[in-house]
C-alpha cells in the first residue's frame, strides 16, 4: 500500500514539474499577447511560484544531509562547531528563515534560498488575490459578462461631477481639448 502511495505522489510531482516547465514558456507569451488578463494566466503564475517556492524550501531544509558534521567537513571544507550548533539548535529547526550553520560564519543553506521563498510567497499571494477578484467579479456579473438582473446597478455607475458632461472620460491635462483628446488645428 505504501508503494502505491509513493508512486501516486511521485507521479503527481512529475506532472506538476511538467506543468511548471510548460508554464515557464506560457507566462512570458501571455505577457506579450495579453492573456495575463485571464484567470488561467494567473493560475499558471500561482502554480509556478508555488512549485519554485516548495523546491527552494526543500533545497534549504535538506541542505545539511544526514550528518551535518560530515557535510561541513568533507563537502564544504568547513570546521564543524558542535558547541555553536548546540547553542543555536532552535535556529536550525525553524521553518523560515532556513539556517543550518556549520559554525558562526558558514551556513549550509545557500544565500538565495530564503529570498526565493519570500518572493514566491509574494507571487502566490498576489495571484491568489487576483484569482479571487476574477471569481468575485464573475459572481457579480454572471456567466454572460453582464450584471445579474439585467442592467448595471446604479451604485456601480461612475458618478458625474457637477458641470462636467463627459466626466468619466476627461482628465485634468485634457482641458480645452475636444472629446477625442486631440487639439484642433
N, C-alpha and C. Protein backbone atom coordinates (compact mmCIF):
# COMPACT_ATOMS: atom_id res chain seq x y z
N UNK A 1 0.81 -1.19 0.00
CA UNK A 1 0.00 0.00 0.00
C UNK A 1 0.86 1.26 0.00
N UNK A 2 1.98 1.22 0.75
CA UNK A 2 2.87 2.38 0.79
C UNK A 2 3.50 2.62 -0.57
N UNK A 3 3.78 1.54 -1.29
CA UNK A 3 4.38 1.68 -2.61
C UNK A 3 3.43 2.38 -3.57
N UNK A 4 2.14 2.06 -3.49
CA UNK A 4 1.15 2.69 -4.36
C UNK A 4 1.03 4.17 -4.04
N UNK A 5 1.08 4.52 -2.75
CA UNK A 5 1.04 5.93 -2.36
C UNK A 5 2.27 6.68 -2.84
N UNK A 6 3.44 6.03 -2.72
CA UNK A 6 4.67 6.65 -3.18
C UNK A 6 4.64 6.86 -4.69
N UNK A 7 4.16 5.87 -5.43
CA UNK A 7 4.06 6.02 -6.88
C UNK A 7 3.07 7.11 -7.26
N UNK A 8 1.97 7.20 -6.55
CA UNK A 8 0.97 8.23 -6.84
C UNK A 8 1.55 9.62 -6.59
N UNK A 9 2.19 9.80 -5.44
CA UNK A 9 2.79 11.11 -5.13
C UNK A 9 3.89 11.44 -6.12
N UNK A 10 4.72 10.46 -6.48
CA UNK A 10 5.79 10.70 -7.45
C UNK A 10 5.21 11.08 -8.82
N UNK A 11 4.16 10.39 -9.22
CA UNK A 11 3.52 10.72 -10.50
C UNK A 11 2.93 12.12 -10.49
N UNK A 12 2.29 12.50 -9.39
CA UNK A 12 1.72 13.85 -9.30
C UNK A 12 2.81 14.91 -9.32
N UNK A 13 3.94 14.65 -8.66
CA UNK A 13 5.05 15.61 -8.68
C UNK A 13 5.65 15.74 -10.07
N UNK A 14 5.74 14.64 -10.80
CA UNK A 14 6.26 14.69 -12.17
C UNK A 14 5.31 15.48 -13.06
N UNK A 15 4.01 15.26 -12.90
CA UNK A 15 3.02 16.02 -13.68
C UNK A 15 3.11 17.50 -13.34
N UNK A 16 3.27 17.83 -12.04
CA UNK A 16 3.40 19.23 -11.64
C UNK A 16 4.67 19.84 -12.20
N UNK A 17 5.77 19.06 -12.25
CA UNK A 17 7.01 19.55 -12.84
C UNK A 17 6.81 19.85 -14.32
N UNK A 18 6.19 18.94 -15.06
CA UNK A 18 5.96 19.17 -16.48
C UNK A 18 5.05 20.36 -16.71
N UNK A 19 3.99 20.50 -15.89
CA UNK A 19 3.09 21.65 -15.98
C UNK A 19 3.87 22.95 -15.72
N UNK A 20 4.77 22.93 -14.73
CA UNK A 20 5.55 24.13 -14.41
C UNK A 20 6.52 24.47 -15.53
N UNK A 21 7.12 23.45 -16.14
CA UNK A 21 8.01 23.72 -17.28
C UNK A 21 7.24 24.33 -18.45
N UNK A 22 6.03 23.84 -18.71
CA UNK A 22 5.18 24.42 -19.75
C UNK A 22 4.83 25.86 -19.40
N UNK A 23 4.58 26.12 -18.12
CA UNK A 23 4.24 27.47 -17.68
C UNK A 23 5.41 28.44 -17.82
N UNK A 24 6.64 27.94 -17.72
CA UNK A 24 7.80 28.80 -17.96
C UNK A 24 7.76 29.39 -19.37
N UNK A 25 7.19 28.66 -20.30
CA UNK A 25 7.03 29.16 -21.67
C UNK A 25 5.79 30.03 -21.81
N UNK A 26 4.67 29.59 -21.22
CA UNK A 26 3.39 30.27 -21.43
C UNK A 26 3.26 31.60 -20.70
N UNK A 27 3.91 31.78 -19.56
CA UNK A 27 3.77 33.03 -18.81
C UNK A 27 4.36 34.20 -19.58
N UNK A 28 5.59 34.14 -20.11
CA UNK A 28 6.09 35.28 -20.91
C UNK A 28 5.28 35.50 -22.19
N UNK A 29 4.83 34.42 -22.81
CA UNK A 29 4.00 34.57 -24.01
C UNK A 29 2.70 35.28 -23.65
N UNK A 30 2.13 34.95 -22.50
CA UNK A 30 0.90 35.59 -22.05
C UNK A 30 1.08 37.07 -21.75
N UNK A 31 2.27 37.45 -21.33
CA UNK A 31 2.53 38.88 -21.12
C UNK A 31 2.52 39.63 -22.44
N UNK A 32 3.01 38.99 -23.49
CA UNK A 32 3.04 39.65 -24.80
C UNK A 32 1.68 39.70 -25.48
N UNK A 33 0.92 38.61 -25.41
CA UNK A 33 -0.33 38.56 -26.16
C UNK A 33 -1.55 39.01 -25.36
N UNK A 34 -1.36 39.43 -24.11
CA UNK A 34 -2.46 39.97 -23.33
C UNK A 34 -3.29 38.95 -22.58
N UNK A 35 -2.86 37.70 -22.55
CA UNK A 35 -3.66 36.71 -21.82
C UNK A 35 -3.46 36.80 -20.31
N UNK A 36 -2.63 37.72 -19.86
CA UNK A 36 -2.48 37.94 -18.42
C UNK A 36 -3.78 38.52 -17.84
N UNK A 37 -4.68 38.93 -18.68
CA UNK A 37 -5.96 39.45 -18.23
C UNK A 37 -6.97 38.34 -17.99
N UNK A 38 -6.57 37.10 -18.17
CA UNK A 38 -7.46 35.96 -17.98
C UNK A 38 -7.04 35.16 -16.76
N UNK A 39 -7.99 34.47 -16.13
CA UNK A 39 -7.66 33.72 -14.90
C UNK A 39 -6.63 32.61 -15.10
N UNK A 40 -6.60 31.96 -16.26
CA UNK A 40 -5.66 30.85 -16.45
C UNK A 40 -4.22 31.32 -16.33
N UNK A 41 -3.92 32.52 -16.81
CA UNK A 41 -2.55 33.03 -16.72
C UNK A 41 -2.16 33.18 -15.25
N UNK A 42 -3.07 33.67 -14.44
CA UNK A 42 -2.78 33.85 -13.01
C UNK A 42 -2.71 32.50 -12.30
N UNK A 43 -3.49 31.53 -12.75
CA UNK A 43 -3.37 30.19 -12.18
C UNK A 43 -2.02 29.58 -12.53
N UNK A 44 -1.53 29.83 -13.73
CA UNK A 44 -0.19 29.37 -14.12
C UNK A 44 0.88 30.01 -13.23
N UNK A 45 0.76 31.33 -13.02
CA UNK A 45 1.72 32.03 -12.17
C UNK A 45 1.68 31.49 -10.75
N UNK A 46 0.47 31.25 -10.23
CA UNK A 46 0.31 30.70 -8.90
C UNK A 46 0.99 29.34 -8.79
N UNK A 47 0.74 28.47 -9.75
CA UNK A 47 1.30 27.12 -9.73
C UNK A 47 2.82 27.14 -9.84
N UNK A 48 3.35 27.96 -10.74
CA UNK A 48 4.79 28.02 -10.92
C UNK A 48 5.48 28.60 -9.69
N UNK A 49 4.92 29.65 -9.11
CA UNK A 49 5.52 30.25 -7.91
C UNK A 49 5.48 29.28 -6.74
N UNK A 50 4.39 28.55 -6.60
CA UNK A 50 4.30 27.56 -5.53
C UNK A 50 5.31 26.43 -5.74
N UNK A 51 5.48 25.97 -6.98
CA UNK A 51 6.43 24.91 -7.28
C UNK A 51 7.86 25.35 -6.99
N UNK A 52 8.22 26.54 -7.46
CA UNK A 52 9.59 27.04 -7.23
C UNK A 52 9.82 27.29 -5.75
N UNK A 53 8.82 27.85 -5.06
CA UNK A 53 8.97 28.10 -3.62
C UNK A 53 9.14 26.81 -2.83
N UNK A 54 8.35 25.80 -3.16
CA UNK A 54 8.49 24.50 -2.48
C UNK A 54 9.84 23.86 -2.78
N UNK A 55 10.29 23.96 -4.02
CA UNK A 55 11.60 23.42 -4.38
C UNK A 55 12.73 24.13 -3.66
N UNK A 56 12.64 25.46 -3.55
CA UNK A 56 13.67 26.21 -2.83
C UNK A 56 13.66 25.87 -1.35
N UNK A 57 12.46 25.72 -0.78
CA UNK A 57 12.38 25.36 0.64
C UNK A 57 12.98 23.98 0.89
N UNK A 58 12.68 23.02 0.01
CA UNK A 58 13.26 21.68 0.16
C UNK A 58 14.77 21.72 0.03
N UNK A 59 15.29 22.52 -0.90
CA UNK A 59 16.73 22.65 -1.07
C UNK A 59 17.37 23.18 0.21
N UNK A 60 16.73 24.15 0.84
CA UNK A 60 17.27 24.71 2.07
C UNK A 60 17.10 23.78 3.25
N UNK A 61 15.94 23.12 3.36
CA UNK A 61 15.67 22.25 4.51
C UNK A 61 16.55 21.01 4.50
N UNK A 62 16.89 20.52 3.33
CA UNK A 62 17.70 19.31 3.22
C UNK A 62 19.17 19.62 2.95
N UNK A 63 19.61 20.83 3.21
CA UNK A 63 20.98 21.23 2.88
C UNK A 63 22.03 20.58 3.76
N UNK A 64 21.66 20.14 4.96
CA UNK A 64 22.65 19.56 5.86
C UNK A 64 22.94 18.11 5.62
N UNK A 65 22.09 17.43 4.88
CA UNK A 65 22.30 16.00 4.68
C UNK A 65 21.95 15.23 5.95
N UNK A 66 22.38 13.98 6.01
CA UNK A 66 22.08 13.15 7.17
C UNK A 66 23.01 13.45 8.34
N UNK A 67 24.24 13.77 8.06
CA UNK A 67 25.20 14.07 9.12
C UNK A 67 25.81 15.44 8.84
N UNK A 68 25.44 16.42 9.65
CA UNK A 68 25.87 17.80 9.41
C UNK A 68 27.38 17.94 9.57
N UNK A 69 27.93 17.26 10.54
CA UNK A 69 29.37 17.34 10.76
C UNK A 69 30.17 16.86 9.56
N UNK A 70 29.78 15.73 8.99
CA UNK A 70 30.47 15.21 7.81
C UNK A 70 30.23 16.11 6.59
N UNK A 71 29.02 16.63 6.45
CA UNK A 71 28.72 17.52 5.33
C UNK A 71 29.58 18.77 5.40
N UNK A 72 29.71 19.33 6.58
CA UNK A 72 30.55 20.53 6.75
C UNK A 72 32.02 20.22 6.44
N UNK A 73 32.51 19.13 6.99
CA UNK A 73 33.93 18.82 6.87
C UNK A 73 34.32 18.33 5.48
N UNK A 74 33.56 17.40 4.91
CA UNK A 74 34.00 16.74 3.68
C UNK A 74 33.44 17.36 2.40
N UNK A 75 32.27 17.97 2.48
CA UNK A 75 31.68 18.54 1.28
C UNK A 75 32.02 20.02 1.14
N UNK A 76 31.92 20.76 2.27
CA UNK A 76 32.12 22.21 2.20
C UNK A 76 33.46 22.66 2.78
N UNK A 77 34.25 21.74 3.31
CA UNK A 77 35.58 22.03 3.85
C UNK A 77 35.54 23.12 4.91
N UNK A 78 34.59 22.99 5.81
CA UNK A 78 34.42 23.94 6.91
C UNK A 78 34.53 23.19 8.24
N UNK A 79 34.99 23.87 9.25
CA UNK A 79 35.09 23.29 10.59
C UNK A 79 33.70 23.25 11.20
N UNK A 80 33.31 22.10 11.72
CA UNK A 80 32.01 21.95 12.38
C UNK A 80 32.17 22.27 13.85
N UNK A 81 31.38 23.22 14.35
CA UNK A 81 31.43 23.64 15.74
C UNK A 81 30.18 23.10 16.44
N UNK A 82 30.35 21.99 17.18
CA UNK A 82 29.20 21.35 17.83
C UNK A 82 28.67 22.22 18.97
N UNK A 83 29.53 23.01 19.63
CA UNK A 83 29.06 23.89 20.71
C UNK A 83 28.16 24.99 20.12
N UNK A 84 28.56 25.54 18.99
CA UNK A 84 27.73 26.57 18.34
C UNK A 84 26.39 25.96 17.90
N UNK A 85 26.44 24.78 17.35
CA UNK A 85 25.21 24.10 16.89
C UNK A 85 24.29 23.81 18.07
N UNK A 86 24.84 23.39 19.21
CA UNK A 86 24.02 23.10 20.39
C UNK A 86 23.40 24.38 20.96
N UNK A 87 24.15 25.48 20.90
CA UNK A 87 23.63 26.75 21.43
C UNK A 87 22.55 27.35 20.53
N UNK A 88 22.56 27.04 19.25
CA UNK A 88 21.60 27.60 18.29
C UNK A 88 20.75 26.52 17.62
N UNK A 89 20.37 25.51 18.40
CA UNK A 89 19.62 24.39 17.83
C UNK A 89 18.24 24.82 17.33
N UNK A 90 17.58 25.78 18.00
CA UNK A 90 16.26 26.21 17.55
C UNK A 90 16.32 26.98 16.23
N UNK A 91 17.46 27.58 15.96
CA UNK A 91 17.62 28.31 14.70
C UNK A 91 17.61 27.37 13.50
N UNK A 92 18.18 26.19 13.66
CA UNK A 92 18.23 25.25 12.54
C UNK A 92 16.95 24.43 12.41
N UNK A 93 16.02 24.55 13.37
CA UNK A 93 14.78 23.79 13.31
C UNK A 93 13.58 24.63 12.89
N UNK A 94 13.77 25.92 12.62
CA UNK A 94 12.65 26.77 12.19
C UNK A 94 12.28 26.47 10.75
N UNK A 95 11.02 26.72 10.43
CA UNK A 95 10.56 26.53 9.05
C UNK A 95 10.98 27.68 8.15
N UNK A 96 11.06 28.88 8.71
CA UNK A 96 11.50 30.05 7.95
C UNK A 96 11.98 31.11 8.91
N UNK A 97 13.05 31.79 8.64
CA UNK A 97 14.05 31.58 7.59
C UNK A 97 14.91 30.35 7.89
N UNK A 98 15.34 29.72 6.84
CA UNK A 98 16.11 28.48 6.97
C UNK A 98 17.58 28.79 7.25
N UNK A 99 18.13 28.12 8.24
CA UNK A 99 19.56 28.21 8.56
C UNK A 99 20.02 26.86 9.04
N UNK A 100 21.22 26.49 8.65
CA UNK A 100 21.86 25.27 9.12
C UNK A 100 23.35 25.53 9.09
N UNK A 101 23.87 26.05 10.19
CA UNK A 101 25.24 26.56 10.20
C UNK A 101 26.24 25.52 10.70
N UNK A 102 27.37 25.48 10.03
CA UNK A 102 28.48 24.65 10.48
C UNK A 102 29.16 25.29 11.68
N UNK A 103 29.33 26.59 11.60
CA UNK A 103 29.94 27.38 12.68
C UNK A 103 29.33 28.78 12.60
N UNK A 104 29.87 29.72 13.31
CA UNK A 104 29.30 31.06 13.34
C UNK A 104 29.40 31.80 12.03
N UNK A 105 30.26 31.35 11.11
CA UNK A 105 30.49 32.10 9.88
C UNK A 105 29.98 31.42 8.62
N UNK A 106 29.66 30.13 8.66
CA UNK A 106 29.30 29.43 7.42
C UNK A 106 27.95 28.73 7.57
N UNK A 107 27.06 29.04 6.64
CA UNK A 107 25.72 28.47 6.63
C UNK A 107 25.61 27.49 5.45
N UNK A 108 25.07 26.30 5.73
CA UNK A 108 24.90 25.31 4.66
C UNK A 108 23.75 25.67 3.72
N UNK A 109 22.80 26.45 4.20
CA UNK A 109 21.69 26.87 3.35
C UNK A 109 22.20 27.98 2.43
N UNK A 110 22.08 27.80 1.10
CA UNK A 110 22.56 28.83 0.18
C UNK A 110 21.86 30.17 0.41
N UNK A 111 22.54 31.25 0.08
CA UNK A 111 22.02 32.59 0.34
C UNK A 111 20.78 32.91 -0.49
N UNK A 112 20.57 32.24 -1.60
CA UNK A 112 19.43 32.55 -2.47
C UNK A 112 18.13 31.90 -2.01
N UNK A 113 18.19 30.96 -1.09
CA UNK A 113 17.01 30.18 -0.73
C UNK A 113 15.94 31.02 -0.04
N UNK A 114 16.29 31.73 1.02
CA UNK A 114 15.28 32.49 1.77
C UNK A 114 14.64 33.61 0.95
N UNK A 115 15.41 34.41 0.18
CA UNK A 115 14.73 35.41 -0.66
C UNK A 115 13.84 34.79 -1.73
N UNK A 116 14.23 33.64 -2.25
CA UNK A 116 13.39 32.97 -3.25
C UNK A 116 12.08 32.53 -2.64
N UNK A 117 12.13 31.97 -1.45
CA UNK A 117 10.91 31.54 -0.76
C UNK A 117 10.00 32.74 -0.52
N UNK A 118 10.57 33.85 -0.08
CA UNK A 118 9.79 35.05 0.20
C UNK A 118 9.16 35.62 -1.06
N UNK A 119 9.92 35.70 -2.14
CA UNK A 119 9.38 36.21 -3.41
C UNK A 119 8.30 35.29 -3.96
N UNK A 120 8.51 34.00 -3.89
CA UNK A 120 7.49 33.07 -4.37
C UNK A 120 6.21 33.17 -3.55
N UNK A 121 6.35 33.35 -2.24
CA UNK A 121 5.17 33.52 -1.39
C UNK A 121 4.43 34.80 -1.78
N UNK A 122 5.16 35.86 -2.10
CA UNK A 122 4.52 37.11 -2.52
C UNK A 122 3.76 36.91 -3.84
N UNK A 123 4.37 36.19 -4.78
CA UNK A 123 3.69 35.93 -6.05
C UNK A 123 2.46 35.04 -5.86
N UNK A 124 2.54 34.07 -4.95
CA UNK A 124 1.39 33.21 -4.67
C UNK A 124 0.26 34.05 -4.08
N UNK A 125 0.57 34.94 -3.14
CA UNK A 125 -0.46 35.79 -2.55
C UNK A 125 -1.06 36.74 -3.58
N UNK A 126 -0.21 37.32 -4.43
CA UNK A 126 -0.71 38.21 -5.48
C UNK A 126 -1.63 37.46 -6.44
N UNK A 127 -1.20 36.31 -6.90
CA UNK A 127 -2.02 35.54 -7.84
C UNK A 127 -3.30 35.06 -7.18
N UNK A 128 -3.24 34.71 -5.89
CA UNK A 128 -4.46 34.31 -5.18
C UNK A 128 -5.44 35.47 -5.11
N UNK A 129 -4.94 36.65 -4.80
CA UNK A 129 -5.80 37.83 -4.76
C UNK A 129 -6.44 38.14 -6.09
N UNK A 130 -5.67 38.05 -7.16
CA UNK A 130 -6.23 38.33 -8.49
C UNK A 130 -7.24 37.26 -8.89
N UNK A 131 -6.94 35.99 -8.58
CA UNK A 131 -7.90 34.92 -8.89
C UNK A 131 -9.19 35.09 -8.10
N UNK A 132 -9.08 35.51 -6.84
CA UNK A 132 -10.30 35.79 -6.06
C UNK A 132 -11.08 36.96 -6.66
N UNK A 133 -10.36 37.97 -7.13
CA UNK A 133 -11.01 39.11 -7.78
C UNK A 133 -11.75 38.66 -9.04
N UNK A 134 -11.10 37.81 -9.85
CA UNK A 134 -11.78 37.28 -11.03
C UNK A 134 -13.03 36.51 -10.63
N UNK A 135 -12.95 35.71 -9.57
CA UNK A 135 -14.09 34.93 -9.13
C UNK A 135 -15.23 35.79 -8.63
N UNK A 136 -14.91 36.83 -7.85
CA UNK A 136 -15.95 37.71 -7.32
C UNK A 136 -16.62 38.49 -8.44
N UNK A 137 -15.84 39.01 -9.39
CA UNK A 137 -16.45 39.75 -10.48
C UNK A 137 -17.28 38.83 -11.36
N UNK A 138 -16.89 37.59 -11.48
CA UNK A 138 -17.71 36.65 -12.26
C UNK A 138 -19.02 36.35 -11.55
N UNK A 139 -18.97 36.25 -10.22
CA UNK A 139 -20.20 36.04 -9.46
C UNK A 139 -21.13 37.24 -9.55
N UNK A 140 -20.56 38.44 -9.50
CA UNK A 140 -21.37 39.65 -9.55
C UNK A 140 -21.95 39.85 -10.95
N UNK A 141 -21.14 39.63 -11.95
CA UNK A 141 -21.58 39.88 -13.33
C UNK A 141 -22.35 38.72 -13.92
N UNK A 142 -22.15 37.52 -13.45
CA UNK A 142 -22.81 36.36 -14.03
C UNK A 142 -21.96 35.73 -15.12
N UNK A 143 -22.44 34.65 -15.69
CA UNK A 143 -21.68 33.89 -16.69
C UNK A 143 -21.54 34.63 -18.01
N UNK A 144 -22.55 35.42 -18.41
CA UNK A 144 -22.52 36.05 -19.71
C UNK A 144 -21.77 37.37 -19.73
N UNK A 145 -21.22 37.81 -18.62
CA UNK A 145 -20.46 39.04 -18.59
C UNK A 145 -21.30 40.24 -18.20
N UNK A 146 -22.62 40.13 -18.26
CA UNK A 146 -23.48 41.22 -17.85
C UNK A 146 -23.82 41.10 -16.38
N UNK A 147 -24.33 42.15 -15.81
CA UNK A 147 -24.68 42.12 -14.40
C UNK A 147 -25.96 41.33 -14.19
N UNK A 148 -26.03 40.65 -13.08
CA UNK A 148 -27.24 39.88 -12.76
C UNK A 148 -28.41 40.84 -12.62
N UNK A 149 -29.52 40.46 -13.16
CA UNK A 149 -30.69 41.31 -13.08
C UNK A 149 -30.80 42.23 -14.29
N UNK A 150 -29.93 42.09 -15.26
CA UNK A 150 -30.03 42.89 -16.48
C UNK A 150 -29.15 44.11 -16.47
N UNK A 151 -29.67 45.24 -15.99
CA UNK A 151 -28.95 46.50 -16.07
C UNK A 151 -27.89 46.59 -14.98
N UNK A 152 -26.92 47.47 -15.20
CA UNK A 152 -25.86 47.69 -14.23
C UNK A 152 -26.45 48.43 -13.03
N UNK A 153 -26.13 47.99 -11.81
CA UNK A 153 -26.64 48.68 -10.63
C UNK A 153 -26.17 50.13 -10.58
N UNK A 154 -27.01 51.00 -10.06
CA UNK A 154 -26.71 52.43 -10.05
C UNK A 154 -25.48 52.75 -9.20
N UNK A 155 -25.22 51.98 -8.15
CA UNK A 155 -24.07 52.28 -7.31
C UNK A 155 -22.74 51.89 -7.97
N UNK A 156 -22.79 51.14 -9.07
CA UNK A 156 -21.56 50.80 -9.78
C UNK A 156 -21.29 51.72 -10.97
N UNK A 157 -22.28 52.56 -11.32
CA UNK A 157 -22.09 53.51 -12.40
C UNK A 157 -21.19 54.64 -11.93
N UNK A 158 -20.34 55.19 -12.83
CA UNK A 158 -19.50 56.31 -12.42
C UNK A 158 -20.36 57.53 -12.14
N UNK A 159 -20.02 58.24 -11.09
CA UNK A 159 -20.77 59.44 -10.73
C UNK A 159 -20.23 60.62 -11.50
N UNK A 160 -21.13 61.48 -11.92
CA UNK A 160 -20.74 62.63 -12.71
C UNK A 160 -20.55 63.83 -11.80
N UNK A 161 -19.45 64.56 -12.03
CA UNK A 161 -19.21 65.76 -11.25
C UNK A 161 -20.07 66.89 -11.80
N UNK A 162 -20.46 67.80 -10.95
CA UNK A 162 -21.27 68.92 -11.44
C UNK A 162 -20.49 69.76 -12.44
N UNK A 163 -21.14 70.09 -13.54
CA UNK A 163 -20.53 70.95 -14.55
C UNK A 163 -19.64 70.21 -15.53
N UNK A 164 -19.62 68.91 -15.48
CA UNK A 164 -18.78 68.15 -16.39
C UNK A 164 -19.67 67.13 -17.10
N UNK A 165 -19.89 67.35 -18.39
CA UNK A 165 -20.79 66.49 -19.14
C UNK A 165 -20.15 65.14 -19.46
N UNK A 166 -18.85 65.11 -19.63
CA UNK A 166 -18.20 63.85 -20.01
C UNK A 166 -17.17 63.47 -18.95
N UNK A 167 -17.53 63.55 -17.68
CA UNK A 167 -16.56 63.35 -16.62
C UNK A 167 -15.81 62.02 -16.66
N UNK A 168 -16.44 60.87 -16.89
CA UNK A 168 -15.65 59.65 -16.82
C UNK A 168 -14.54 59.58 -17.85
N UNK A 169 -14.60 60.40 -18.90
CA UNK A 169 -13.63 60.31 -19.97
C UNK A 169 -12.70 61.51 -20.03
N UNK A 170 -12.81 62.43 -19.10
CA UNK A 170 -11.93 63.60 -19.13
C UNK A 170 -10.87 63.45 -18.06
N UNK A 171 -9.81 64.20 -18.21
CA UNK A 171 -8.76 64.20 -17.22
C UNK A 171 -8.21 65.62 -17.12
N UNK A 172 -7.48 65.97 -16.07
CA UNK A 172 -7.05 67.35 -15.87
C UNK A 172 -6.16 67.89 -16.98
N UNK A 173 -5.35 67.05 -17.62
CA UNK A 173 -4.44 67.55 -18.64
C UNK A 173 -5.10 67.67 -20.01
N UNK A 174 -6.39 67.33 -20.13
CA UNK A 174 -7.05 67.44 -21.44
C UNK A 174 -8.05 68.59 -21.47
N UNK A 175 -7.95 69.54 -20.55
CA UNK A 175 -8.88 70.67 -20.55
C UNK A 175 -8.69 71.50 -21.81
N UNK A 176 -9.78 71.89 -22.40
CA UNK A 176 -9.72 72.71 -23.60
C UNK A 176 -9.57 71.87 -24.87
N UNK A 177 -9.57 70.57 -24.75
CA UNK A 177 -9.46 69.71 -25.92
C UNK A 177 -10.82 69.14 -26.24
N UNK A 178 -11.04 68.82 -27.51
CA UNK A 178 -12.33 68.18 -27.86
C UNK A 178 -12.40 66.77 -27.30
N UNK A 179 -13.56 66.12 -27.44
CA UNK A 179 -13.81 64.82 -26.83
C UNK A 179 -12.81 63.77 -27.26
N UNK A 180 -12.24 63.86 -28.47
CA UNK A 180 -11.26 62.88 -28.95
C UNK A 180 -9.93 62.99 -28.24
N UNK A 181 -9.69 64.07 -27.52
CA UNK A 181 -8.44 64.21 -26.78
C UNK A 181 -7.35 64.92 -27.57
N UNK A 182 -7.58 65.27 -28.84
CA UNK A 182 -6.57 65.94 -29.65
C UNK A 182 -6.95 67.40 -29.82
N UNK A 183 -5.95 68.21 -29.89
CA UNK A 183 -6.22 69.63 -30.10
C UNK A 183 -6.59 69.89 -31.54
N UNK A 184 -7.49 70.79 -31.70
CA UNK A 184 -7.90 71.10 -33.08
C UNK A 184 -6.88 72.04 -33.70
N UNK A 185 -6.69 71.88 -34.98
CA UNK A 185 -5.81 72.83 -35.65
C UNK A 185 -4.77 72.23 -36.37
